[in-house]
Amino acid sequence: MSKNDGGLAFPIAIDMGNGTIATHHGMDLRDYFAAKFMAGRAAVPGSVDHELDAKEAYKAADAMLLERAK
């Protein structure tokens, strides 16, 4: 079973001006939530265990996605 990634966070479409549209899917919402958690954690003095912080970030992101689905 794959993780719920929450869908796309920042998809964009760019008109290339020659009749074509280029798309970029951006990051998924799970990664965005985890990145926001990591940014907050990095702001706390003494947070030095980045591997543990990353695991916690994805646990928090998964919890946010579950709450969002309610």
N, C-alpha and C. Protein backbone atom coordinates (compact mmCIF):
# COMPACT_ATOMS: atom_id res chain seq x y z
N MET A 1 0.84 -1.18 0.00
CA MET A 1 0.00 0.00 0.00
C MET A 1 0.88 1.24 0.00
N SER A 2 0.57 2.17 -0.88
CA SER A 2 1.37 3.39 -0.92
C SER A 2 0.78 4.43 0.01
N LYS A 3 1.63 5.35 0.42
CA LYS A 3 1.21 6.43 1.32
C LYS A 3 0.32 7.41 0.57
N ASN A 4 -0.63 7.98 1.29
CA ASN A 4 -1.43 9.07 0.75
C ASN A 4 -0.52 10.28 0.67
N ASP A 5 -0.28 10.79 -0.54
CA ASP A 5 0.61 11.94 -0.68
C ASP A 5 -0.16 13.26 -0.67
N GLY A 6 -1.48 13.19 -0.58
CA GLY A 6 -2.29 14.41 -0.50
C GLY A 6 -2.53 15.10 -1.82
N GLY A 7 -1.97 14.58 -2.89
CA GLY A 7 -2.10 15.25 -4.18
C GLY A 7 -1.02 16.29 -4.38
N LEU A 8 -1.16 17.05 -5.41
CA LEU A 8 -0.14 18.03 -5.77
C LEU A 8 -0.30 19.31 -4.95
N ALA A 9 0.82 19.85 -4.51
CA ALA A 9 0.80 21.07 -3.72
C ALA A 9 0.88 22.32 -4.60
N PHE A 10 1.72 22.31 -5.60
CA PHE A 10 1.93 23.52 -6.40
C PHE A 10 2.03 23.21 -7.90
N PRO A 11 1.00 22.60 -8.49
CA PRO A 11 1.09 22.35 -9.93
C PRO A 11 0.97 23.67 -10.71
N ILE A 12 1.67 23.76 -11.80
CA ILE A 12 1.57 24.96 -12.64
C ILE A 12 1.52 24.56 -14.11
N ALA A 13 0.92 25.40 -14.89
CA ALA A 13 0.91 25.25 -16.34
C ALA A 13 1.50 26.53 -16.92
N ILE A 14 2.42 26.38 -17.84
CA ILE A 14 3.10 27.55 -18.43
C ILE A 14 2.81 27.57 -19.93
N ASP A 15 2.24 28.66 -20.39
CA ASP A 15 2.01 28.83 -21.82
C ASP A 15 3.34 29.16 -22.46
N MET A 16 3.82 28.27 -23.31
CA MET A 16 5.13 28.45 -23.93
C MET A 16 5.09 29.47 -25.07
N GLY A 17 3.90 29.97 -25.42
CA GLY A 17 3.79 31.00 -26.44
C GLY A 17 3.78 30.48 -27.86
N ASN A 18 3.95 29.19 -28.03
CA ASN A 18 3.96 28.62 -29.38
C ASN A 18 2.83 27.60 -29.55
N GLY A 19 1.79 27.77 -28.75
CA GLY A 19 0.65 26.86 -28.82
C GLY A 19 0.78 25.64 -27.93
N THR A 20 1.85 25.54 -27.16
CA THR A 20 2.01 24.41 -26.26
C THR A 20 1.99 24.88 -24.81
N ILE A 21 1.59 24.00 -23.97
CA ILE A 21 1.55 24.26 -22.53
C ILE A 21 2.52 23.29 -21.86
N ALA A 22 3.43 23.82 -21.08
CA ALA A 22 4.34 22.99 -20.30
C ALA A 22 3.78 22.90 -18.89
N THR A 23 3.81 21.72 -18.33
CA THR A 23 3.30 21.55 -16.97
C THR A 23 4.41 21.10 -16.04
N HIS A 24 4.30 21.54 -14.82
CA HIS A 24 5.20 21.09 -13.77
C HIS A 24 4.32 20.72 -12.59
N HIS A 25 4.47 19.51 -12.09
CA HIS A 25 3.58 19.02 -11.06
C HIS A 25 3.91 19.52 -9.67
N GLY A 26 5.06 20.11 -9.48
CA GLY A 26 5.43 20.60 -8.16
C GLY A 26 5.65 19.45 -7.19
N MET A 27 5.55 19.72 -5.92
CA MET A 27 5.75 18.68 -4.91
C MET A 27 4.39 18.19 -4.45
N ASP A 28 4.39 17.02 -3.82
CA ASP A 28 3.11 16.57 -3.27
C ASP A 28 2.91 17.20 -1.90
N LEU A 29 1.67 17.17 -1.47
CA LEU A 29 1.30 17.85 -0.24
C LEU A 29 1.96 17.22 0.98
N ARG A 30 2.18 15.91 0.95
CA ARG A 30 2.85 15.24 2.07
C ARG A 30 4.26 15.79 2.26
N ASP A 31 5.00 15.93 1.16
CA ASP A 31 6.35 16.49 1.24
C ASP A 31 6.31 17.94 1.72
N TYR A 32 5.32 18.70 1.25
CA TYR A 32 5.20 20.10 1.68
C TYR A 32 4.96 20.20 3.18
N PHE A 33 4.04 19.37 3.69
CA PHE A 33 3.78 19.38 5.13
C PHE A 33 5.02 18.98 5.91
N ALA A 34 5.73 17.95 5.44
CA ALA A 34 6.95 17.50 6.13
C ALA A 34 8.01 18.60 6.12
N ALA A 35 8.13 19.30 5.00
CA ALA A 35 9.11 20.38 4.91
C ALA A 35 8.78 21.51 5.87
N LYS A 36 7.49 21.84 6.00
CA LYS A 36 7.08 22.89 6.93
C LYS A 36 7.39 22.47 8.37
N PHE A 37 7.15 21.19 8.70
CA PHE A 37 7.47 20.68 10.03
C PHE A 37 8.96 20.80 10.29
N MET A 38 9.78 20.42 9.31
CA MET A 38 11.24 20.49 9.47
C MET A 38 11.70 21.93 9.66
N ALA A 39 11.09 22.86 8.94
CA ALA A 39 11.47 24.27 9.08
C ALA A 39 11.16 24.76 10.49
N GLY A 40 10.02 24.36 11.02
CA GLY A 40 9.68 24.73 12.38
C GLY A 40 10.61 24.10 13.40
N ARG A 41 10.94 22.84 13.16
CA ARG A 41 11.84 22.13 14.08
C ARG A 41 13.23 22.74 14.04
N ALA A 42 13.69 23.16 12.87
CA ALA A 42 15.02 23.75 12.74
C ALA A 42 15.12 25.07 13.48
N ALA A 43 13.98 25.72 13.71
CA ALA A 43 13.98 26.99 14.41
C ALA A 43 14.12 26.82 15.92
N VAL A 44 14.03 25.58 16.40
CA VAL A 44 14.14 25.30 17.83
C VAL A 44 15.60 25.00 18.18
N PRO A 45 16.21 25.79 19.02
CA PRO A 45 17.60 25.52 19.40
C PRO A 45 17.74 24.13 20.02
N GLY A 46 18.80 23.44 19.65
CA GLY A 46 19.08 22.12 20.20
C GLY A 46 18.53 20.97 19.38
N SER A 47 17.81 21.26 18.29
CA SER A 47 17.30 20.19 17.44
C SER A 47 18.42 19.77 16.49
N VAL A 48 19.12 18.70 16.82
CA VAL A 48 20.29 18.31 16.03
C VAL A 48 20.17 16.93 15.40
N ASP A 49 19.16 16.14 15.77
CA ASP A 49 19.01 14.80 15.23
C ASP A 49 18.15 14.85 13.97
N HIS A 50 18.76 15.19 12.85
CA HIS A 50 18.03 15.41 11.62
C HIS A 50 17.33 14.16 11.11
N GLU A 51 17.94 12.99 11.32
CA GLU A 51 17.30 11.75 10.87
C GLU A 51 16.01 11.52 11.65
N LEU A 52 16.06 11.68 12.96
CA LEU A 52 14.87 11.53 13.79
C LEU A 52 13.86 12.61 13.45
N ASP A 53 14.31 13.84 13.25
CA ASP A 53 13.41 14.93 12.89
C ASP A 53 12.70 14.63 11.58
N ALA A 54 13.40 14.08 10.59
CA ALA A 54 12.79 13.75 9.30
C ALA A 54 11.72 12.69 9.47
N LYS A 55 11.99 11.68 10.27
CA LYS A 55 10.98 10.64 10.51
C LYS A 55 9.76 11.25 11.18
N GLU A 56 9.98 12.11 12.16
CA GLU A 56 8.87 12.77 12.84
C GLU A 56 8.11 13.70 11.89
N ALA A 57 8.83 14.32 10.97
CA ALA A 57 8.18 15.23 10.02
C ALA A 57 7.19 14.48 9.16
N TYR A 58 7.56 13.30 8.69
CA TYR A 58 6.64 12.53 7.85
C TYR A 58 5.50 11.93 8.67
N LYS A 59 5.74 11.61 9.92
CA LYS A 59 4.64 11.17 10.79
C LYS A 59 3.65 12.32 10.98
N ALA A 60 4.19 13.52 11.19
CA ALA A 60 3.33 14.69 11.34
C ALA A 60 2.58 14.98 10.05
N ALA A 61 3.25 14.87 8.92
CA ALA A 61 2.61 15.10 7.62
C ALA A 61 1.47 14.10 7.40
N ASP A 62 1.72 12.84 7.74
CA ASP A 62 0.67 11.82 7.60
C ASP A 62 -0.52 12.14 8.49
N ALA A 63 -0.25 12.61 9.71
CA ALA A 63 -1.33 13.00 10.62
C ALA A 63 -2.11 14.18 10.06
N MET A 64 -1.41 15.15 9.46
CA MET A 64 -2.09 16.29 8.87
C MET A 64 -2.99 15.87 7.71
N LEU A 65 -2.49 14.93 6.89
CA LEU A 65 -3.30 14.45 5.77
C LEU A 65 -4.53 13.70 6.27
N LEU A 66 -4.38 12.90 7.32
CA LEU A 66 -5.53 12.20 7.89
C LEU A 66 -6.57 13.19 8.41
N GLU A 67 -6.10 14.20 9.13
CA GLU A 67 -7.01 15.21 9.68
C GLU A 67 -7.69 15.98 8.55
N ARG A 68 -6.95 16.26 7.53
CA ARG A 68 -7.48 17.02 6.38
C ARG A 68 -8.58 16.24 5.68
N ALA A 69 -8.50 14.91 5.68
CA ALA A 69 -9.47 14.08 4.99
C ALA A 69 -10.79 13.95 5.74
N LYS A 70 -10.82 14.38 6.99
CA LYS A 70 -12.06 14.25 7.80
C LYS A 70 -13.13 15.21 7.33
